[in-house]
Amino acid sequence: MAAFMSSYSSQTYALLRIVSGFLFAVHGGQKVLNFPIEASPGMPWFITYIAGPIELVGGLLILVGLFTSWAAFISSGLMAVAYWMAHGTKALFPQENQGELAVLYCFVFLMISATGSGIWSVDDARK
C-alpha cells in the first residue's frame, strides 16, 4: 500500500461502503419508488418486486453499516445473477454487454461481505 494513504485505510474503506450502499439504494429506489427518476417502462415483474427491494434495502443497510456482511453478500449474489441473466447472455465481455456496473457491484459487495462494516457503521457502534 502506498505509504501516504496507509493511515487512511479505515476511512477510505468506510467511504467505499457508504458510497456503494448509497448508489445501490438509488438503483432500488428507482425500481421500487420511481425515485429519483422513473424506472424504465415494461420492466419484468421480478426486477421490480424482487431485485428492486433487495437493492433498496440492501443498499441502505450497507450504507449505514447494519448487518453489513449479510446485506453485502446477498447484494453480491443478486448482481451475479443480474449479470448472467441480463448481460452475460448477450456477449462474453462486460464492455460488450453493458454489464460492467453489475460486475463491479458484485465484487465490491463480495469484498464488503468478507471485510465487514468497518468504522462509521451501526455494527461498529453496537460493539
Protein backbone atom coordinates (compact mmCIF):
# COMPACT_ATOMS: atom_id res chain seq x y z
CA MET A 1 0.00 0.00 0.00
CA ALA A 2 1.22 3.49 -0.72
CA ALA A 3 2.69 4.96 2.43
CA PHE A 4 0.85 8.25 2.07
CA MET A 5 -2.55 6.51 2.23
CA SER A 6 -1.86 3.71 4.70
CA SER A 7 -3.03 5.69 7.71
CA TYR A 8 -6.38 6.33 5.97
CA SER A 9 -7.28 2.75 5.04
CA SER A 10 -10.15 2.51 7.55
CA GLN A 11 -11.67 5.79 6.40
CA THR A 12 -11.37 5.03 2.68
CA TYR A 13 -12.93 1.60 3.23
CA ALA A 14 -15.81 3.22 5.12
CA LEU A 15 -16.29 5.69 2.27
CA LEU A 16 -16.32 2.84 -0.26
CA ARG A 17 -19.02 1.06 1.79
CA ILE A 18 -21.11 4.22 2.25
CA VAL A 19 -20.95 5.41 -1.36
CA SER A 20 -21.53 1.92 -2.80
CA GLY A 21 -24.51 1.39 -0.50
CA PHE A 22 -25.97 4.77 -1.41
CA LEU A 23 -25.64 4.21 -5.16
CA PHE A 24 -27.11 0.70 -4.88
CA ALA A 25 -30.05 2.01 -2.83
CA VAL A 26 -30.70 4.65 -5.51
CA HIS A 27 -30.97 1.87 -8.12
CA GLY A 28 -33.51 0.13 -5.90
CA GLY A 29 -35.38 3.38 -5.28
CA GLN A 30 -35.71 3.88 -9.00
CA LYS A 31 -37.25 0.43 -9.42
CA VAL A 32 -39.50 0.45 -6.35
CA LEU A 33 -40.35 4.11 -5.78
CA ASN A 34 -39.70 5.65 -9.23
CA PHE A 35 -37.28 7.95 -7.42
CA PRO A 36 -35.05 9.83 -8.24
CA ILE A 37 -36.05 9.10 -11.84
CA GLU A 38 -38.82 6.94 -13.19
CA ALA A 39 -37.97 3.32 -13.93
CA SER A 40 -37.98 2.07 -17.48
CA PRO A 41 -41.46 1.05 -18.63
CA GLY A 42 -42.00 -2.61 -19.34
CA MET A 43 -39.52 -3.82 -16.73
CA PRO A 44 -40.11 -7.50 -15.85
CA TRP A 45 -42.01 -8.09 -12.60
CA PHE A 46 -39.13 -9.90 -10.88
CA ILE A 47 -36.86 -6.88 -11.33
CA THR A 48 -39.44 -4.56 -9.79
CA TYR A 49 -40.60 -6.85 -6.97
CA ILE A 50 -37.50 -8.91 -6.15
CA ALA A 51 -34.37 -7.10 -7.33
CA GLY A 52 -35.66 -3.60 -6.53
CA PRO A 53 -36.38 -4.23 -2.84
CA ILE A 54 -33.11 -6.12 -2.39
CA GLU A 55 -31.24 -3.19 -3.95
CA LEU A 56 -33.11 -0.59 -1.89
CA VAL A 57 -32.98 -2.33 1.49
CA GLY A 58 -29.58 -3.93 0.94
CA GLY A 59 -28.10 -0.63 -0.21
CA LEU A 60 -29.47 1.19 2.83
CA LEU A 61 -28.15 -1.50 5.20
CA ILE A 62 -24.72 -1.33 3.58
CA LEU A 63 -24.82 2.47 3.66
CA VAL A 64 -25.47 2.68 7.40
CA GLY A 65 -23.42 -0.41 8.19
CA LEU A 66 -26.15 -2.56 9.75
CA PHE A 67 -25.97 -6.35 9.18
CA THR A 68 -23.41 -5.33 6.61
CA SER A 69 -21.83 -8.69 5.82
CA TRP A 70 -25.18 -10.37 5.15
CA ALA A 71 -26.61 -7.45 3.18
CA ALA A 72 -23.47 -7.23 1.07
CA PHE A 73 -23.39 -11.00 0.49
CA ILE A 74 -27.00 -11.07 -0.71
CA SER A 75 -26.43 -7.96 -2.85
CA SER A 76 -23.32 -9.53 -4.37
CA GLY A 77 -25.30 -12.63 -5.30
CA LEU A 78 -28.06 -10.51 -6.79
CA MET A 79 -25.54 -8.75 -9.01
CA ALA A 80 -24.00 -12.05 -10.11
CA VAL A 81 -27.45 -13.30 -11.10
CA ALA A 82 -28.25 -9.98 -12.80
CA TYR A 83 -25.05 -10.15 -14.81
CA TRP A 84 -25.65 -13.66 -16.11
CA MET A 85 -29.38 -13.17 -16.74
CA ALA A 86 -29.35 -9.72 -18.32
CA HIS A 87 -25.85 -9.16 -19.64
CA GLY A 88 -23.89 -12.39 -19.94
CA THR A 89 -26.33 -13.85 -22.44
CA LYS A 90 -25.66 -11.00 -24.91
CA ALA A 91 -21.86 -11.19 -25.14
CA LEU A 92 -18.94 -12.53 -23.12
CA PHE A 93 -17.14 -9.34 -22.11
CA PRO A 94 -18.75 -6.70 -19.85
CA GLN A 95 -17.67 -3.92 -22.22
CA GLU A 96 -19.71 -5.57 -24.96
CA ASN A 97 -22.82 -6.42 -22.93
CA GLN A 98 -23.05 -3.28 -20.71
CA GLY A 99 -22.56 -5.38 -17.58
CA GLU A 100 -19.60 -3.53 -16.08
CA LEU A 101 -21.63 -1.98 -13.26
CA ALA A 102 -23.12 -5.35 -12.27
CA VAL A 103 -19.65 -6.91 -12.16
CA LEU A 104 -18.23 -4.04 -10.09
CA TYR A 105 -21.13 -4.13 -7.61
CA CYS A 106 -20.81 -7.91 -7.35
CA PHE A 107 -17.15 -7.83 -6.40
CA VAL A 108 -17.27 -4.67 -4.25
CA PHE A 109 -20.10 -6.21 -2.23
CA LEU A 110 -18.26 -9.53 -2.02
CA MET A 111 -15.29 -7.66 -0.55
CA ILE A 112 -17.53 -5.77 1.88
CA SER A 113 -19.17 -9.06 2.85
CA ALA A 114 -15.79 -10.59 3.69
CA THR A 115 -14.39 -7.49 5.42
CA GLY A 116 -17.41 -6.37 7.44
CA SER A 117 -18.79 -2.95 8.18
CA GLY A 118 -15.68 -1.19 9.48
CA ILE A 119 -15.76 2.23 11.11
CA TRP A 120 -18.61 4.75 10.83
CA SER A 121 -21.23 2.00 10.97
CA VAL A 122 -24.12 0.91 13.17
CA ASP A 123 -22.49 -2.52 13.51
CA ASP A 124 -19.34 -0.90 14.88
CA ALA A 125 -21.34 1.29 17.28
CA ARG A 126 -23.18 -1.80 18.63
CA LYS A 127 -19.96 -3.48 19.79
